[in-house]
Amino acid sequence: GEMARGPGRKTIDRDEMYRLLLAASPSLADAWADQIGSWPGDPRALPDYPSLHSFALHAVANLADGSTGILDAVLRILRDGDETARRLVTAGIIPEFAVALDYSDPRREILEEYLKGD
């Protein structure tokens, strides 16, 4: 079932999920604009998983310099997202991290700390 959310906490839907991810990573916004620009149809019909794949790769690349904005956004979406937003980041972003980071990669520890939470 849905967990109770505090007063004034807005549930994050798919559109808000994308806004949060883009806000977390300004350097990705240009690439995203290109991706949307090259998509012939309605941008809302852009396939989610290829899009999220690019967010994940970008986030992994940025972990090295201590930039964790996308991870922060992912955790917020997991906490406050609706079912669709949670499913998209769980299936679309988190596995990409697991695949992109070798076990010997020190960034893996950062990621695992993040995903464990407090």
PDB file of N, CA and C in Angstrom:
ATOM      1  N   GLY A   1       0.822  -1.208   0.000  1.00  0.00           N
ATOM      2  CA  GLY A   1       0.000   0.000   0.000  1.00  0.00           C
ATOM      3  C   GLY A   1       0.855   1.257   0.000  1.00  0.00           C
ATOM      4  N   GLU A   2       0.211   2.377  -0.156  1.00  0.00           N
ATOM      5  CA  GLU A   2       0.931   3.648  -0.160  1.00  0.00           C
ATOM      6  C   GLU A   2       1.310   4.017   1.272  1.00  0.00           C
ATOM      7  N   MET A   3       2.532   4.447   1.432  1.00  0.00           N
ATOM      8  CA  MET A   3       2.938   4.902   2.756  1.00  0.00           C
ATOM      9  C   MET A   3       2.386   6.311   2.966  1.00  0.00           C
ATOM     10  N   ALA A   4       2.072   6.633   4.214  1.00  0.00           N
ATOM     11  CA  ALA A   4       1.568   7.969   4.510  1.00  0.00           C
ATOM     12  C   ALA A   4       2.664   8.988   4.232  1.00  0.00           C
ATOM     13  N   ARG A   5       2.276  10.093   3.660  1.00  0.00           N
ATOM     14  CA  ARG A   5       3.250  11.147   3.380  1.00  0.00           C
ATOM     15  C   ARG A   5       2.900  12.351   4.238  1.00  0.00           C
ATOM     16  N   GLY A   6       3.916  13.077   4.614  1.00  0.00           N
ATOM     17  CA  GLY A   6       3.697  14.236   5.479  1.00  0.00           C
ATOM     18  C   GLY A   6       2.847  15.284   4.789  1.00  0.00           C
ATOM     19  N   PRO A   7       2.290  16.200   5.558  1.00  0.00           N
ATOM     20  CA  PRO A   7       1.452  17.251   4.971  1.00  0.00           C
ATOM     21  C   PRO A   7       2.283  18.104   4.013  1.00  0.00           C
ATOM     22  N   GLY A   8       1.692  18.435   2.893  1.00  0.00           N
ATOM     23  CA  GLY A   8       2.394  19.298   1.947  1.00  0.00           C
ATOM     24  C   GLY A   8       3.432  18.575   1.104  1.00  0.00           C
ATOM     25  N   ARG A   9       3.702  17.318   1.380  1.00  0.00           N
ATOM     26  CA  ARG A   9       4.649  16.569   0.552  1.00  0.00           C
ATOM     27  C   ARG A   9       3.945  16.173  -0.726  1.00  0.00           C
ATOM     28  N   LYS A  10       4.461  16.662  -1.840  1.00  0.00           N
ATOM     29  CA  LYS A  10       3.829  16.365  -3.112  1.00  0.00           C
ATOM     30  C   LYS A  10       4.377  15.037  -3.616  1.00  0.00           C
ATOM     31  N   THR A  11       3.495  14.184  -4.092  1.00  0.00           N
ATOM     32  CA  THR A  11       3.961  12.942  -4.693  1.00  0.00           C
ATOM     33  C   THR A  11       4.609  13.269  -6.030  1.00  0.00           C
ATOM     34  N   ILE A  12       5.758  12.658  -6.283  1.00  0.00           N
ATOM     35  CA  ILE A  12       6.500  12.921  -7.508  1.00  0.00           C
ATOM     36  C   ILE A  12       5.983  12.006  -8.616  1.00  0.00           C
ATOM     37  N   ASP A  13       5.497  12.609  -9.711  1.00  0.00           N
ATOM     38  CA  ASP A  13       5.041  11.807 -10.843  1.00  0.00           C
ATOM     39  C   ASP A  13       6.159  11.744 -11.896  1.00  0.00           C
ATOM     40  N   ARG A  14       5.861  11.116 -13.034  1.00  0.00           N
ATOM     41  CA  ARG A  14       6.886  10.917 -14.056  1.00  0.00           C
ATOM     42  C   ARG A  14       7.477  12.250 -14.532  1.00  0.00           C
ATOM     43  N   ASP A  15       6.620  13.236 -14.797  1.00  0.00           N
ATOM     44  CA  ASP A  15       7.125  14.526 -15.283  1.00  0.00           C
ATOM     45  C   ASP A  15       8.023  15.186 -14.251  1.00  0.00           C
ATOM     46  N   GLU A  16       7.579  15.153 -13.001  1.00  0.00           N
ATOM     47  CA  GLU A  16       8.367  15.755 -11.923  1.00  0.00           C
ATOM     48  C   GLU A  16       9.680  14.989 -11.740  1.00  0.00           C
ATOM     49  N   MET A  17       9.636  13.675 -11.933  1.00  0.00           N
ATOM     50  CA  MET A  17      10.841  12.853 -11.849  1.00  0.00           C
ATOM     51  C   MET A  17      11.892  13.378 -12.834  1.00  0.00           C
ATOM     52  N   TYR A  18      11.467  13.607 -14.084  1.00  0.00           N
ATOM     53  CA  TYR A  18      12.416  14.120 -15.082  1.00  0.00           C
ATOM     54  C   TYR A  18      12.908  15.511 -14.699  1.00  0.00           C
ATOM     55  N   ARG A  19      12.010  16.351 -14.193  1.00  0.00           N
ATOM     56  CA  ARG A  19      12.437  17.699 -13.780  1.00  0.00           C
ATOM     57  C   ARG A  19      13.502  17.621 -12.693  1.00  0.00           C
ATOM     58  N   LEU A  20      13.280  16.746 -11.723  1.00  0.00           N
ATOM     59  CA  LEU A  20      14.244  16.608 -10.624  1.00  0.00           C
ATOM     60  C   LEU A  20      15.596  16.114 -11.132  1.00  0.00           C
ATOM     61  N   LEU A  21      15.565  15.116 -12.011  1.00  0.00           N
ATOM     62  CA  LEU A  21      16.819  14.562 -12.523  1.00  0.00           C
ATOM     63  C   LEU A  21      17.583  15.611 -13.328  1.00  0.00           C
ATOM     64  N   LEU A  22      16.862  16.391 -14.134  1.00  0.00           N
ATOM     65  CA  LEU A  22      17.526  17.413 -14.935  1.00  0.00           C
ATOM     66  C   LEU A  22      18.048  18.545 -14.061  1.00  0.00           C
ATOM     67  N   ALA A  23      17.270  18.921 -13.045  1.00  0.00           N
ATOM     68  CA  ALA A  23      17.716  19.980 -12.144  1.00  0.00           C
ATOM     69  C   ALA A  23      18.969  19.541 -11.392  1.00  0.00           C
ATOM     70  N   ALA A  24      19.052  18.238 -11.124  1.00  0.00           N
ATOM     71  CA  ALA A  24      20.192  17.704 -10.370  1.00  0.00           C
ATOM     72  C   ALA A  24      21.452  17.670 -11.220  1.00  0.00           C
ATOM     73  N   SER A  25      21.291  17.757 -12.529  1.00  0.00           N
ATOM     74  CA  SER A  25      22.439  17.609 -13.404  1.00  0.00           C
ATOM     75  C   SER A  25      22.364  18.564 -14.582  1.00  0.00           C
ATOM     76  N   PRO A  26      22.715  19.834 -14.330  1.00  0.00           N
ATOM     77  CA  PRO A  26      22.631  20.823 -15.407  1.00  0.00           C
ATOM     78  C   PRO A  26      23.445  20.426 -16.643  1.00  0.00           C
ATOM     79  N   SER A  27      24.562  19.736 -16.430  1.00  0.00           N
ATOM     80  CA  SER A  27      25.382  19.365 -17.583  1.00  0.00           C
ATOM     81  C   SER A  27      24.681  18.345 -18.472  1.00  0.00           C
ATOM     82  N   LEU A  28      23.688  17.661 -17.920  1.00  0.00           N
ATOM     83  CA  LEU A  28      22.947  16.693 -18.724  1.00  0.00           C
ATOM     84  C   LEU A  28      21.810  17.370 -19.497  1.00  0.00           C
ATOM     85  N   ALA A  29      21.425  18.554 -19.054  1.00  0.00           N
ATOM     86  CA  ALA A  29      20.264  19.215 -19.653  1.00  0.00           C
ATOM     87  C   ALA A  29      20.446  19.448 -21.153  1.00  0.00           C
ATOM     88  N   ASP A  30      21.668  19.798 -21.582  1.00  0.00           N
ATOM     89  CA  ASP A  30      21.914  20.030 -23.013  1.00  0.00           C
ATOM     90  C   ASP A  30      21.739  18.753 -23.809  1.00  0.00           C
ATOM     91  N   ALA A  31      22.332  17.676 -23.308  1.00  0.00           N
ATOM     92  CA  ALA A  31      22.206  16.387 -23.985  1.00  0.00           C
ATOM     93  C   ALA A  31      20.731  15.980 -24.051  1.00  0.00           C
ATOM     94  N   TRP A  32      20.023  16.265 -22.970  1.00  0.00           N
ATOM     95  CA  TRP A  32      18.604  15.932 -22.908  1.00  0.00           C
ATOM     96  C   TRP A  32      17.824  16.731 -23.944  1.00  0.00           C
ATOM     97  N   ALA A  33      18.150  18.017 -24.068  1.00  0.00           N
ATOM     98  CA  ALA A  33      17.474  18.863 -25.057  1.00  0.00           C
ATOM     99  C   ALA A  33      17.702  18.301 -26.463  1.00  0.00           C
ATOM    100  N   ASP A  34      18.925  17.820 -26.724  1.00  0.00           N
ATOM    101  CA  ASP A  34      19.224  17.216 -28.027  1.00  0.00           C
ATOM    102  C   ASP A  34      18.384  15.963 -28.236  1.00  0.00           C
ATOM    103  N   GLN A  35      18.293  15.154 -27.182  1.00  0.00           N
ATOM    104  CA  GLN A  35      17.548  13.903 -27.278  1.00  0.00           C
ATOM    105  C   GLN A  35      16.077  14.196 -27.586  1.00  0.00           C
ATOM    106  N   ILE A  36      15.524  15.185 -26.894  1.00  0.00           N
ATOM    107  CA  ILE A  36      14.130  15.545 -27.131  1.00  0.00           C
ATOM    108  C   ILE A  36      13.984  16.149 -28.521  1.00  0.00           C
ATOM    109  N   GLY A  37      15.002  16.960 -28.915  1.00  0.00           N
ATOM    110  CA  GLY A  37      14.951  17.606 -30.221  1.00  0.00           C
ATOM    111  C   GLY A  37      14.977  16.607 -31.371  1.00  0.00           C
ATOM    112  N   SER A  38      15.653  15.477 -31.161  1.00  0.00           N
ATOM    113  CA  SER A  38      15.776  14.495 -32.242  1.00  0.00           C
ATOM    114  C   SER A  38      14.624  13.485 -32.237  1.00  0.00           C
ATOM    115  N   TRP A  39      13.769  13.581 -31.224  1.00  0.00           N
ATOM    116  CA  TRP A  39      12.620  12.670 -31.128  1.00  0.00           C
ATOM    117  C   TRP A  39      11.495  13.233 -31.975  1.00  0.00           C
ATOM    118  N   PRO A  40      10.986  12.443 -32.949  1.00  0.00           N
ATOM    119  CA  PRO A  40      10.019  13.008 -33.892  1.00  0.00           C
ATOM    120  C   PRO A  40       8.635  13.286 -33.297  1.00  0.00           C
ATOM    121  N   GLY A  41       8.257  12.544 -32.278  1.00  0.00           N
ATOM    122  CA  GLY A  41       6.895  12.678 -31.753  1.00  0.00           C
ATOM    123  C   GLY A  41       6.804  13.599 -30.558  1.00  0.00           C
ATOM    124  N   ASP A  42       5.754  13.428 -29.808  1.00  0.00           N
ATOM    125  CA  ASP A  42       5.529  14.163 -28.575  1.00  0.00           C
ATOM    126  C   ASP A  42       6.630  13.783 -27.578  1.00  0.00           C
ATOM    127  N   PRO A  43       7.317  14.774 -27.013  1.00  0.00           N
ATOM    128  CA  PRO A  43       8.390  14.449 -26.047  1.00  0.00           C
ATOM    129  C   PRO A  43       7.906  13.595 -24.880  1.00  0.00           C
ATOM    130  N   ARG A  44       6.602  13.711 -24.564  1.00  0.00           N
ATOM    131  CA  ARG A  44       6.083  12.902 -23.453  1.00  0.00           C
ATOM    132  C   ARG A  44       6.060  11.429 -23.807  1.00  0.00           C
ATOM    133  N   ALA A  45       6.178  11.124 -25.115  1.00  0.00           N
ATOM    134  CA  ALA A  45       6.170   9.725 -25.542  1.00  0.00           C
ATOM    135  C   ALA A  45       7.590   9.174 -25.694  1.00  0.00           C
ATOM    136  N   LEU A  46       8.587   9.977 -25.336  1.00  0.00           N
ATOM    137  CA  LEU A  46       9.983   9.526 -25.392  1.00  0.00           C
ATOM    138  C   LEU A  46      10.118   8.253 -24.549  1.00  0.00           C
ATOM    139  N   PRO A  47      10.783   7.222 -25.080  1.00  0.00           N
ATOM    140  CA  PRO A  47      10.885   5.982 -24.295  1.00  0.00           C
ATOM    141  C   PRO A  47      11.712   6.220 -23.019  1.00  0.00           C
ATOM    142  N   ASP A  48      11.195   5.739 -21.899  1.00  0.00           N
ATOM    143  CA  ASP A  48      11.823   6.053 -20.609  1.00  0.00           C
ATOM    144  C   ASP A  48      13.174   5.390 -20.402  1.00  0.00           C
ATOM    145  N   TYR A  49      13.269   4.092 -20.711  1.00  0.00           N
ATOM    146  CA  TYR A  49      14.486   3.399 -20.295  1.00  0.00           C
ATOM    147  C   TYR A  49      15.752   3.897 -20.995  1.00  0.00           C
ATOM    148  N   PRO A  50      15.733   4.129 -22.323  1.00  0.00           N
ATOM    149  CA  PRO A  50      16.936   4.704 -22.930  1.00  0.00           C
ATOM    150  C   PRO A  50      17.283   6.076 -22.339  1.00  0.00           C
ATOM    151  N   SER A  51      16.255   6.852 -22.023  1.00  0.00           N
ATOM    152  CA  SER A  51      16.484   8.175 -21.441  1.00  0.00           C
ATOM    153  C   SER A  51      17.130   8.038 -20.070  1.00  0.00           C
ATOM    154  N   LEU A  52      16.579   7.147 -19.256  1.00  0.00           N
ATOM    155  CA  LEU A  52      17.102   6.978 -17.898  1.00  0.00           C
ATOM    156  C   LEU A  52      18.502   6.388 -17.931  1.00  0.00           C
ATOM    157  N   HIS A  53      18.783   5.570 -18.934  1.00  0.00           N
ATOM    158  CA  HIS A  53      20.123   5.010 -19.099  1.00  0.00           C
ATOM    159  C   HIS A  53      21.143   6.153 -19.200  1.00  0.00           C
ATOM    160  N   SER A  54      20.804   7.187 -19.973  1.00  0.00           N
ATOM    161  CA  SER A  54      21.749   8.288 -20.114  1.00  0.00           C
ATOM    162  C   SER A  54      21.913   9.048 -18.798  1.00  0.00           C
ATOM    163  N   PHE A  55      20.837   9.182 -18.012  1.00  0.00           N
ATOM    164  CA  PHE A  55      20.970   9.816 -16.698  1.00  0.00           C
ATOM    165  C   PHE A  55      21.908   8.998 -15.812  1.00  0.00           C
ATOM    166  N   ALA A  56      21.727   7.690 -15.845  1.00  0.00           N
ATOM    167  CA  ALA A  56      22.521   6.820 -14.980  1.00  0.00           C
ATOM    168  C   ALA A  56      23.997   6.896 -15.343  1.00  0.00           C
ATOM    169  N   LEU A  57      24.300   6.828 -16.644  1.00  0.00           N
ATOM    170  CA  LEU A  57      25.708   6.882 -17.058  1.00  0.00           C
ATOM    171  C   LEU A  57      26.323   8.214 -16.661  1.00  0.00           C
ATOM    172  N   HIS A  58      25.551   9.261 -16.808  1.00  0.00           N
ATOM    173  CA  HIS A  58      26.025  10.588 -16.443  1.00  0.00           C
ATOM    174  C   HIS A  58      26.311  10.659 -14.938  1.00  0.00           C
ATOM    175  N   ALA A  59      25.401  10.104 -14.166  1.00  0.00           N
ATOM    176  CA  ALA A  59      25.560  10.136 -12.711  1.00  0.00           C
ATOM    177  C   ALA A  59      26.781   9.338 -12.283  1.00  0.00           C
ATOM    178  N   VAL A  60      26.995   8.185 -12.914  1.00  0.00           N
ATOM    179  CA  VAL A  60      28.159   7.358 -12.577  1.00  0.00           C
ATOM    180  C   VAL A  60      29.444   8.131 -12.888  1.00  0.00           C
ATOM    181  N   ALA A  61      29.463   8.790 -14.054  1.00  0.00           N
ATOM    182  CA  ALA A  61      30.649   9.555 -14.433  1.00  0.00           C
ATOM    183  C   ALA A  61      30.924  10.662 -13.422  1.00  0.00           C
ATOM    184  N   ASN A  62      29.867  11.230 -12.858  1.00  0.00           N
ATOM    185  CA  ASN A  62      30.033  12.348 -11.930  1.00  0.00           C
ATOM    186  C   ASN A  62      30.329  11.938 -10.505  1.00  0.00           C
ATOM    187  N   LEU A  63      30.146  10.661 -10.191  1.00  0.00           N
ATOM    188  CA  LEU A  63      30.409  10.231  -8.811  1.00  0.00           C
ATOM    189  C   LEU A  63      31.868  10.469  -8.432  1.00  0.00           C
ATOM    190  N   ALA A  64      32.751  10.311  -9.396  1.00  0.00           N
ATOM    191  CA  ALA A  64      34.178  10.403  -9.109  1.00  0.00           C
ATOM    192  C   ALA A  64      34.549  11.764  -8.531  1.00  0.00           C
ATOM    193  N   ASP A  65      33.920  12.827  -9.045  1.00  0.00           N
ATOM    194  CA  ASP A  65      34.288  14.149  -8.528  1.00  0.00           C
ATOM    195  C   ASP A  65      33.389  14.568  -7.367  1.00  0.00           C
ATOM    196  N   GLY A  66      32.706  13.584  -6.793  1.00  0.00           N
ATOM    197  CA  GLY A  66      31.913  13.863  -5.597  1.00  0.00           C
ATOM    198  C   GLY A  66      30.549  14.470  -5.885  1.00  0.00           C
ATOM    199  N   SER A  67      30.174  14.532  -7.148  1.00  0.00           N
ATOM    200  CA  SER A  67      28.872  15.098  -7.506  1.00  0.00           C
ATOM    201  C   SER A  67      27.804  14.020  -7.373  1.00  0.00           C
ATOM    202  N   THR A  68      26.917  14.205  -6.424  1.00  0.00           N
ATOM    203  CA  THR A  68      25.924  13.157  -6.148  1.00  0.00           C
ATOM    204  C   THR A  68      24.500  13.645  -6.385  1.00  0.00           C
ATOM    205  N   GLY A  69      24.353  14.704  -7.180  1.00  0.00           N
ATOM    206  CA  GLY A  69      23.028  15.288  -7.380  1.00  0.00           C
ATOM    207  C   GLY A  69      21.989  14.302  -7.890  1.00  0.00           C
ATOM    208  N   ILE A  70      22.376  13.505  -8.901  1.00  0.00           N
ATOM    209  CA  ILE A  70      21.396  12.569  -9.458  1.00  0.00           C
ATOM    210  C   ILE A  70      21.044  11.501  -8.424  1.00  0.00           C
ATOM    211  N   LEU A  71      22.041  11.050  -7.663  1.00  0.00           N
ATOM    212  CA  LEU A  71      21.743  10.067  -6.614  1.00  0.00           C
ATOM    213  C   LEU A  71      20.782  10.648  -5.585  1.00  0.00           C
ATOM    214  N   ASP A  72      21.009  11.901  -5.209  1.00  0.00           N
ATOM    215  CA  ASP A  72      20.101  12.543  -4.260  1.00  0.00           C
ATOM    216  C   ASP A  72      18.687  12.557  -4.825  1.00  0.00           C
ATOM    217  N   ALA A  73      18.589  12.904  -6.126  1.00  0.00           N
ATOM    218  CA  ALA A  73      17.274  12.968  -6.768  1.00  0.00           C
ATOM    219  C   ALA A  73      16.630  11.583  -6.811  1.00  0.00           C
ATOM    220  N   VAL A  74      17.438  10.556  -7.139  1.00  0.00           N
ATOM    221  CA  VAL A  74      16.911   9.187  -7.196  1.00  0.00           C
ATOM    222  C   VAL A  74      16.356   8.774  -5.835  1.00  0.00           C
ATOM    223  N   LEU A  75      17.096   9.072  -4.776  1.00  0.00           N
ATOM    224  CA  LEU A  75      16.641   8.689  -3.442  1.00  0.00           C
ATOM    225  C   LEU A  75      15.361   9.424  -3.069  1.00  0.00           C
ATOM    226  N   ARG A  76      15.270  10.689  -3.472  1.00  0.00           N
ATOM    227  CA  ARG A  76      14.057  11.448  -3.177  1.00  0.00           C
ATOM    228  C   ARG A  76      12.868  10.853  -3.932  1.00  0.00           C
ATOM    229  N   ILE A  77      13.104  10.461  -5.187  1.00  0.00           N
ATOM    230  CA  ILE A  77      12.037   9.858  -5.990  1.00  0.00           C
ATOM    231  C   ILE A  77      11.608   8.511  -5.384  1.00  0.00           C
ATOM    232  N   LEU A  78      12.583   7.723  -4.914  1.00  0.00           N
ATOM    233  CA  LEU A  78      12.241   6.446  -4.282  1.00  0.00           C
ATOM    234  C   LEU A  78      11.401   6.685  -3.030  1.00  0.00           C
ATOM    235  N   ARG A  79      11.667   7.792  -2.340  1.00  0.00           N
ATOM    236  CA  ARG A  79      10.940   8.080  -1.103  1.00  0.00           C
ATOM    237  C   ARG A  79       9.567   8.685  -1.385  1.00  0.00           C
ATOM    238  N   ASP A  80       9.503   9.639  -2.328  1.00  0.00           N
ATOM    239  CA  ASP A  80       8.287  10.436  -2.502  1.00  0.00           C
ATOM    240  C   ASP A  80       7.592  10.219  -3.839  1.00  0.00           C
ATOM    241  N   GLY A  81       8.138   9.320  -4.663  1.00  0.00           N
ATOM    242  CA  GLY A  81       7.562   9.150  -5.996  1.00  0.00           C
ATOM    243  C   GLY A  81       6.290   8.322  -5.994  1.00  0.00           C
ATOM    244  N   ASP A  82       5.495   8.520  -7.050  1.00  0.00           N
ATOM    245  CA  ASP A  82       4.355   7.626  -7.229  1.00  0.00           C
ATOM    246  C   ASP A  82       4.883   6.300  -7.775  1.00  0.00           C
ATOM    247  N   GLU A  83       3.986   5.368  -7.997  1.00  0.00           N
ATOM    248  CA  GLU A  83       4.405   4.020  -8.372  1.00  0.00           C
ATOM    249  C   GLU A  83       5.220   4.034  -9.674  1.00  0.00           C
ATOM    250  N   THR A  84       4.783   4.834 -10.635  1.00  0.00           N
ATOM    251  CA  THR A  84       5.477   4.895 -11.929  1.00  0.00           C
ATOM    252  C   THR A  84       6.882   5.449 -11.770  1.00  0.00           C
ATOM    253  N   ALA A  85       7.006   6.562 -11.074  1.00  0.00           N
ATOM    254  CA  ALA A  85       8.325   7.188 -10.904  1.00  0.00           C
ATOM    255  C   ALA A  85       9.269   6.249 -10.153  1.00  0.00           C
ATOM    256  N   ARG A  86       8.768   5.589  -9.122  1.00  0.00           N
ATOM    257  CA  ARG A  86       9.616   4.667  -8.355  1.00  0.00           C
ATOM    258  C   ARG A  86      10.057   3.496  -9.221  1.00  0.00           C
ATOM    259  N   ARG A  87       9.115   2.971 -10.010  1.00  0.00           N
ATOM    260  CA  ARG A  87       9.449   1.834 -10.877  1.00  0.00           C
ATOM    261  C   ARG A  87      10.498   2.248 -11.916  1.00  0.00           C
ATOM    262  N   LEU A  88      10.349   3.440 -12.473  1.00  0.00           N
ATOM    263  CA  LEU A  88      11.282   3.885 -13.510  1.00  0.00           C
ATOM    264  C   LEU A  88      12.695   4.047 -12.963  1.00  0.00           C
ATOM    265  N   VAL A  89      12.849   4.687 -11.798  1.00  0.00           N
ATOM    266  CA  VAL A  89      14.220   4.838 -11.295  1.00  0.00           C
ATOM    267  C   VAL A  89      14.773   3.507 -10.793  1.00  0.00           C
ATOM    268  N   THR A  90      13.897   2.660 -10.236  1.00  0.00           N
ATOM    269  CA  THR A  90      14.382   1.373  -9.741  1.00  0.00           C
ATOM    270  C   THR A  90      14.866   0.501 -10.892  1.00  0.00           C
ATOM    271  N   ALA A  91      14.099   0.472 -11.975  1.00  0.00           N
ATOM    272  CA  ALA A  91      14.458  -0.397 -13.093  1.00  0.00           C
ATOM    273  C   ALA A  91      15.376   0.297 -14.092  1.00  0.00           C
ATOM    274  N   GLY A  92      15.301   1.613 -14.174  1.00  0.00           N
ATOM    275  CA  GLY A  92      16.006   2.326 -15.232  1.00  0.00           C
ATOM    276  C   GLY A  92      17.331   2.924 -14.834  1.00  0.00           C
ATOM    277  N   ILE A  93      17.510   3.256 -13.570  1.00  0.00           N
ATOM    278  CA  ILE A  93      18.747   3.934 -13.165  1.00  0.00           C
ATOM    279  C   ILE A  93      19.609   3.059 -12.270  1.00  0.00           C
ATOM    280  N   ILE A  94      19.009   2.482 -11.241  1.00  0.00           N
ATOM    281  CA  ILE A  94      19.820   1.762 -10.248  1.00  0.00           C
ATOM    282  C   ILE A  94      20.611   0.601 -10.858  1.00  0.00           C
ATOM    283  N   PRO A  95      20.017  -0.229 -11.732  1.00  0.00           N
ATOM    284  CA  PRO A  95      20.816  -1.317 -12.315  1.00  0.00           C
ATOM    285  C   PRO A  95      21.975  -0.802 -13.167  1.00  0.00           C
ATOM    286  N   GLU A  96      21.803   0.368 -13.781  1.00  0.00           N
ATOM    287  CA  GLU A  96      22.882   0.928 -14.597  1.00  0.00           C
ATOM    288  C   GLU A  96      24.094   1.228 -13.722  1.00  0.00           C
ATOM    289  N   PHE A  97      23.848   1.703 -12.519  1.00  0.00           N
ATOM    290  CA  PHE A  97      24.960   1.949 -11.607  1.00  0.00           C
ATOM    291  C   PHE A  97      25.684   0.637 -11.318  1.00  0.00           C
ATOM    292  N   ALA A  98      24.891  -0.370 -11.028  1.00  0.00           N
ATOM    293  CA  ALA A  98      25.482  -1.660 -10.660  1.00  0.00           C
ATOM    294  C   ALA A  98      26.343  -2.205 -11.796  1.00  0.00           C
ATOM    295  N   VAL A  99      25.872  -2.025 -13.030  1.00  0.00           N
ATOM    296  CA  VAL A  99      26.602  -2.544 -14.182  1.00  0.00           C
ATOM    297  C   VAL A  99      27.818  -1.673 -14.492  1.00  0.00           C
ATOM    298  N   ALA A 100      27.658  -0.372 -14.326  1.00  0.00           N
ATOM    299  CA  ALA A 100      28.713   0.552 -14.761  1.00  0.00           C
ATOM    300  C   ALA A 100      29.915   0.540 -13.825  1.00  0.00           C
ATOM    301  N   LEU A 101      29.689   0.197 -12.565  1.00  0.00           N
ATOM    302  CA  LEU A 101      30.786   0.272 -11.598  1.00  0.00           C
ATOM    303  C   LEU A 101      31.348  -1.114 -11.335  1.00  0.00           C
ATOM    304  N   ASP A 102      32.592  -1.270 -11.635  1.00  0.00           N
ATOM    305  CA  ASP A 102      33.297  -2.514 -11.348  1.00  0.00           C
ATOM    306  C   ASP A 102      33.382  -2.704  -9.828  1.00  0.00           C
ATOM    307  N   TYR A 103      33.489  -3.951  -9.391  1.00  0.00           N
ATOM    308  CA  TYR A 103      33.554  -4.188  -7.939  1.00  0.00           C
ATOM    309  C   TYR A 103      34.741  -3.511  -7.293  1.00  0.00           C
ATOM    310  N   SER A 104      35.823  -3.333  -8.046  1.00  0.00           N
ATOM    311  CA  SER A 104      37.005  -2.704  -7.458  1.00  0.00           C
ATOM    312  C   SER A 104      36.916  -1.176  -7.510  1.00  0.00           C
ATOM    313  N   ASP A 105      35.881  -0.667  -8.135  1.00  0.00           N
ATOM    314  CA  ASP A 105      35.747   0.789  -8.285  1.00  0.00           C
ATOM    315  C   ASP A 105      35.379   1.409  -6.943  1.00  0.00           C
ATOM    316  N   PRO A 106      36.181   2.370  -6.467  1.00  0.00           N
ATOM    317  CA  PRO A 106      35.891   2.975  -5.158  1.00  0.00           C
ATOM    318  C   PRO A 106      34.540   3.694  -5.138  1.00  0.00           C
ATOM    319  N   ARG A 107      34.053   4.088  -6.318  1.00  0.00           N
ATOM    320  CA  ARG A 107      32.758   4.780  -6.360  1.00  0.00           C
ATOM    321  C   ARG A 107      31.623   3.859  -5.954  1.00  0.00           C
ATOM    322  N   ARG A 108      31.857   2.549  -6.080  1.00  0.00           N
ATOM    323  CA  ARG A 108      30.820   1.598  -5.711  1.00  0.00           C
ATOM    324  C   ARG A 108      30.441   1.748  -4.239  1.00  0.00           C
ATOM    325  N   GLU A 109      31.454   2.013  -3.424  1.00  0.00           N
ATOM    326  CA  GLU A 109      31.184   2.191  -1.992  1.00  0.00           C
ATOM    327  C   GLU A 109      30.280   3.388  -1.756  1.00  0.00           C
ATOM    328  N   ILE A 110      30.563   4.490  -2.466  1.00  0.00           N
ATOM    329  CA  ILE A 110      29.737   5.693  -2.332  1.00  0.00           C
ATOM    330  C   ILE A 110      28.298   5.317  -2.653  1.00  0.00           C
ATOM    331  N   LEU A 111      28.144   4.606  -3.751  1.00  0.00           N
ATOM    332  CA  LEU A 111      26.816   4.232  -4.221  1.00  0.00           C
ATOM    333  C   LEU A 111      26.110   3.337  -3.213  1.00  0.00           C
ATOM    334  N   GLU A 112      26.829   2.348  -2.723  1.00  0.00           N
ATOM    335  CA  GLU A 112      26.198   1.421  -1.787  1.00  0.00           C
ATOM    336  C   GLU A 112      25.804   2.107  -0.509  1.00  0.00           C
ATOM    337  N   GLU A 113      26.632   3.070  -0.068  1.00  0.00           N
ATOM    338  CA  GLU A 113      26.263   3.867   1.115  1.00  0.00           C
ATOM    339  C   GLU A 113      24.959   4.595   0.844  1.00  0.00           C
ATOM    340  N   TYR A 114      24.884   5.195  -0.344  1.00  0.00           N
ATOM    341  CA  TYR A 114      23.693   5.942  -0.719  1.00  0.00           C
ATOM    342  C   TYR A 114      22.460   5.065  -0.720  1.00  0.00           C
ATOM    343  N   LEU A 115      22.595   3.910  -1.334  1.00  0.00           N
ATOM    344  CA  LEU A 115      21.413   3.071  -1.521  1.00  0.00           C
ATOM    345  C   LEU A 115      20.995   2.408  -0.213  1.00  0.00           C
ATOM    346  N   LYS A 116      21.926   2.269   0.724  1.00  0.00           N
ATOM    347  CA  LYS A 116      21.566   1.718   2.040  1.00  0.00           C
ATOM    348  C   LYS A 116      20.756   2.738   2.839  1.00  0.00           C
ATOM    349  N   GLY A 117      21.108   4.026   2.656  1.00  0.00           N
ATOM    350  CA  GLY A 117      20.429   5.065   3.435  1.00  0.00           C
ATOM    351  C   GLY A 117      20.980   5.107   4.847  1.00  0.00           C
ATOM    352  N   ASP A 118      20.242   5.733   5.737  1.00  0.00           N
ATOM    353  CA  ASP A 118      20.732   5.931   7.110  1.00  0.00           C
ATOM    354  C   ASP A 118      20.780   4.620   7.889  1.00  0.00           C
TER     355      ASP A 118
END
